[in-house]
Protein backbone atom coordinates (compact mmCIF):
# COMPACT_ATOMS: atom_id res chain seq x y z
CA MET A 1 27.42 8.11 31.00
CA ARG A 2 25.28 5.42 32.41
CA PRO A 3 25.52 4.92 36.17
CA ARG A 4 26.54 1.26 35.80
CA LEU A 5 29.45 2.17 33.49
CA THR A 6 30.53 4.95 35.83
CA ILE A 7 30.58 2.59 38.82
CA LEU A 8 32.53 0.01 36.79
CA LEU A 9 35.15 2.58 35.73
CA VAL A 10 35.55 3.84 39.31
CA ALA A 11 35.98 0.25 40.56
CA ILE A 12 38.62 -0.48 37.88
CA LEU A 13 40.53 2.70 38.76
CA LEU A 14 40.42 1.86 42.49
CA VAL A 15 41.72 -1.70 41.86
CA ALA A 16 44.43 -0.39 39.48
CA GLY A 17 45.46 2.26 42.04
CA PHE A 18 45.55 -0.31 44.83
CA ALA A 19 47.59 -2.71 42.66
CA GLY A 20 49.99 0.08 41.68
CA LEU A 21 50.57 1.14 45.27
CA ASN A 22 51.16 -2.44 46.41
CA TRP A 23 52.81 -3.87 43.28
CA SER A 24 55.77 -5.33 45.17
CA GLU A 25 53.38 -7.40 47.32
CA PHE A 26 51.34 -8.45 44.29
CA VAL A 27 54.38 -10.00 42.58
CA ARG A 28 55.98 -11.55 45.75
CA PRO A 29 55.95 -15.35 45.42
CA THR A 30 53.92 -17.26 48.00
CA PRO A 31 53.51 -21.06 48.38
CA LEU A 32 50.08 -21.91 46.87
CA SER A 33 48.25 -25.24 47.05
CA PHE A 34 46.41 -26.34 43.92
CA GLY A 35 45.03 -29.52 45.49
CA LEU A 36 47.44 -32.12 44.01
CA PHE A 37 50.58 -30.01 44.15
CA VAL A 38 52.04 -26.97 45.88
CA MET A 39 53.73 -24.22 43.91
CA ASP A 40 55.38 -20.86 44.59
CA ALA A 41 53.52 -18.10 42.67
CA PRO A 42 52.52 -14.49 43.22
CA LEU A 43 49.02 -14.68 44.78
CA GLY A 44 48.19 -10.99 44.14
CA LEU A 45 49.07 -11.30 40.44
CA ILE A 46 46.96 -14.45 40.07
CA LEU A 47 43.97 -12.78 41.77
CA LEU A 48 44.44 -9.65 39.66
CA THR A 49 44.55 -11.82 36.52
CA VAL A 50 41.38 -13.68 37.57
CA LEU A 51 39.70 -10.32 38.26
CA THR A 52 40.77 -9.04 34.83
CA VAL A 53 39.51 -12.19 33.07
CA THR A 54 36.22 -11.93 34.97
CA LEU A 55 35.95 -8.26 34.03
CA VAL A 56 36.63 -9.01 30.35
CA ALA A 57 34.05 -11.85 30.42
CA PHE A 58 31.54 -9.48 32.01
CA LEU A 59 32.22 -6.81 29.38
CA ILE A 60 31.91 -9.33 26.53
CA SER A 61 28.65 -10.63 28.04
CA SER A 62 27.34 -7.09 28.48
CA ILE A 63 28.27 -6.16 24.90
CA HIS A 64 26.65 -9.35 23.64
CA MET A 65 23.43 -8.63 25.57
CA GLN A 66 23.33 -5.05 24.33
CA THR A 67 23.91 -6.20 20.76
CA VAL A 68 21.15 -8.80 21.02
CA ASN A 69 18.89 -6.20 22.63
CA LEU A 70 19.72 -3.69 19.87
CA LEU A 71 19.00 -6.28 17.17
CA ASP A 72 15.72 -7.23 18.86
CA THR A 73 14.77 -3.56 19.14
CA ARG A 74 15.61 -3.05 15.48
CA GLN A 75 13.57 -6.12 14.50
CA HIS A 76 10.63 -4.93 16.61
CA SER A 77 10.95 -1.48 15.05
CA LYS A 78 10.80 -2.99 11.55
CA GLU A 79 7.79 -5.11 12.51
CA LEU A 80 6.11 -2.10 14.10
CA HIS A 81 6.77 -0.05 10.97
CA ALA A 82 5.33 -2.85 8.82
CA GLN A 83 2.27 -3.07 11.09
CA ARG A 84 1.85 0.71 10.92
CA GLU A 85 1.98 0.62 7.13
CA LEU A 86 -0.53 -2.22 7.13
CA ALA A 87 -2.80 -0.29 9.49
CA ASP A 88 -2.45 2.85 7.36
CA LYS A 89 -3.36 0.88 4.24
CA ALA A 90 -6.33 -0.68 6.02
CA GLU A 91 -7.43 2.74 7.25
CA ALA A 92 -7.06 4.18 3.75
CA SER A 93 -9.08 1.25 2.44
CA ARG A 94 -11.78 1.92 5.03
CA PHE A 95 -11.82 5.58 4.07
CA THR A 96 -12.14 4.62 0.41
CA ASP A 97 -14.96 2.21 1.24
CA LEU A 98 -16.64 4.88 3.35
CA ARG A 99 -16.29 7.42 0.53
CA LEU A 100 -17.79 4.94 -1.96
CA HIS A 101 -20.64 4.19 0.45
CA LEU A 102 -21.31 7.89 1.02
CA ASP A 103 -21.19 8.56 -2.73
CA ALA A 104 -23.71 5.77 -3.30
CA GLN A 105 -25.94 7.17 -0.55
CA MET A 106 -25.70 10.67 -2.05
CA LYS A 107 -26.63 9.35 -5.51
CA GLU A 108 -29.57 7.49 -4.02
CA ILE A 109 -30.72 10.62 -2.17
CA GLN A 110 -30.34 12.70 -5.34
CA GLN A 111 -32.35 10.14 -7.30
CA ARG A 112 -35.07 10.22 -4.66
CA GLU A 113 -35.05 14.02 -4.75
CA ALA A 114 -35.23 13.96 -8.56
CA ILE A 115 -38.16 11.54 -8.42
CA THR A 116 -39.83 13.67 -5.75
CA ALA A 117 -39.19 16.82 -7.78
CA THR A 118 -40.66 15.15 -10.88
CA GLU A 119 -43.71 14.04 -8.91
CA LEU A 120 -44.04 17.54 -7.47
CA GLU A 121 -43.83 19.08 -10.94
CA LYS A 122 -46.48 16.65 -12.16
CA ALA A 123 -48.68 17.56 -9.20
CA VAL A 124 -48.18 21.28 -9.87
CA VAL A 125 -48.98 20.83 -13.58
CA ALA A 126 -52.08 18.79 -12.70
CA GLY A 127 -53.13 21.43 -10.16
CA GLN A 128 -52.63 24.20 -12.73
CA ARG A 129 -54.62 22.23 -15.29
CA GLU A 130 -57.43 21.71 -12.79
CA LEU A 131 -57.31 25.39 -11.83
CA ARG A 132 -57.51 26.44 -15.50
CA THR A 133 -60.42 24.08 -16.04
CA GLN A 134 -62.23 25.54 -13.04
CA LEU A 135 -61.45 29.11 -14.17
CA GLU A 136 -62.75 28.37 -17.66
CA LEU A 137 -65.87 26.80 -16.16
CA MET A 138 -66.34 29.88 -13.92
CA ASN A 139 -65.73 32.14 -16.90
CA ARG A 140 -68.37 30.31 -18.96
CA THR A 141 -70.76 30.33 -16.04
CA LEU A 142 -70.24 34.06 -15.48
CA ALA A 143 -70.56 34.76 -19.20
CA THR A 144 -73.77 32.76 -19.33
CA ARG A 145 -75.18 34.54 -16.30
CA LEU A 146 -74.13 37.94 -17.58
CA ALA A 147 -75.75 37.15 -20.91
CA GLU A 148 -78.85 36.03 -19.06
CA ILE A 149 -78.87 39.19 -16.91
CA GLU A 150 -78.31 41.35 -20.00
CA GLY A 151 -81.17 39.54 -21.66
CA ARG A 152 -83.41 40.29 -18.71
CA VAL A 153 -82.32 43.91 -18.54
CA ASP A 154 -82.92 44.31 -22.26
CA ALA A 155 -86.30 42.62 -21.93
CA ARG A 156 -87.29 44.96 -19.09
CA ALA A 157 -85.99 47.93 -20.94
CA ASP A 158 -88.10 46.90 -23.94
CA GLN A 159 -91.10 46.41 -21.69
CA HIS A 160 -90.52 49.71 -20.12
CA ALA A 161 -90.21 51.38 -23.47
CA ARG A 162 -93.57 49.95 -24.61
CA VAL A 163 -95.44 51.23 -21.67
CA PRO A 164 -96.88 54.72 -22.52
CA GLY A 165 -95.72 57.52 -20.33
CA SER A 166 -92.67 55.87 -19.00
CA SER A 167 -89.42 57.50 -19.56
CA THR A 168 -86.24 55.59 -19.61
CA ILE A 169 -82.85 56.98 -19.62
CA LEU A 170 -80.67 54.98 -21.80
CA SER A 171 -77.11 55.69 -21.84
């Protein structure tokens, strides 16, 4: 129980116990002045009735405040839930936008890589072509030189063979 309710219940029990123990005095008539007239009435019973009415008014006011507070809390909870859903939707939208942005960036990077790879392949093909051309040129040059050297060797061998007394070993 809440402390306030506990204190209220203890106070009601104390007043009820006090009234029960002194009930004969509570209902004894006493001359009372109401300003314009004087009347015989039980003062204790009137005060007990006023206390009871005040207590009932306090309880009704307390229940009313708790009800209003509960309704406000419920309304705030609904608004908070709506705001959370809105924030979740906005966050999901941001994630979707981020995903789309990242996908676009990845496509752009892949296109750049494809272009770079194509340029690299072209450069490799051009380098291979140039290398083949140089190898063919070297091959022709070597073939020409070898033919030239063979021609010289043959010419010397022929010269050597014409000279009397020279012996050549031909294999």
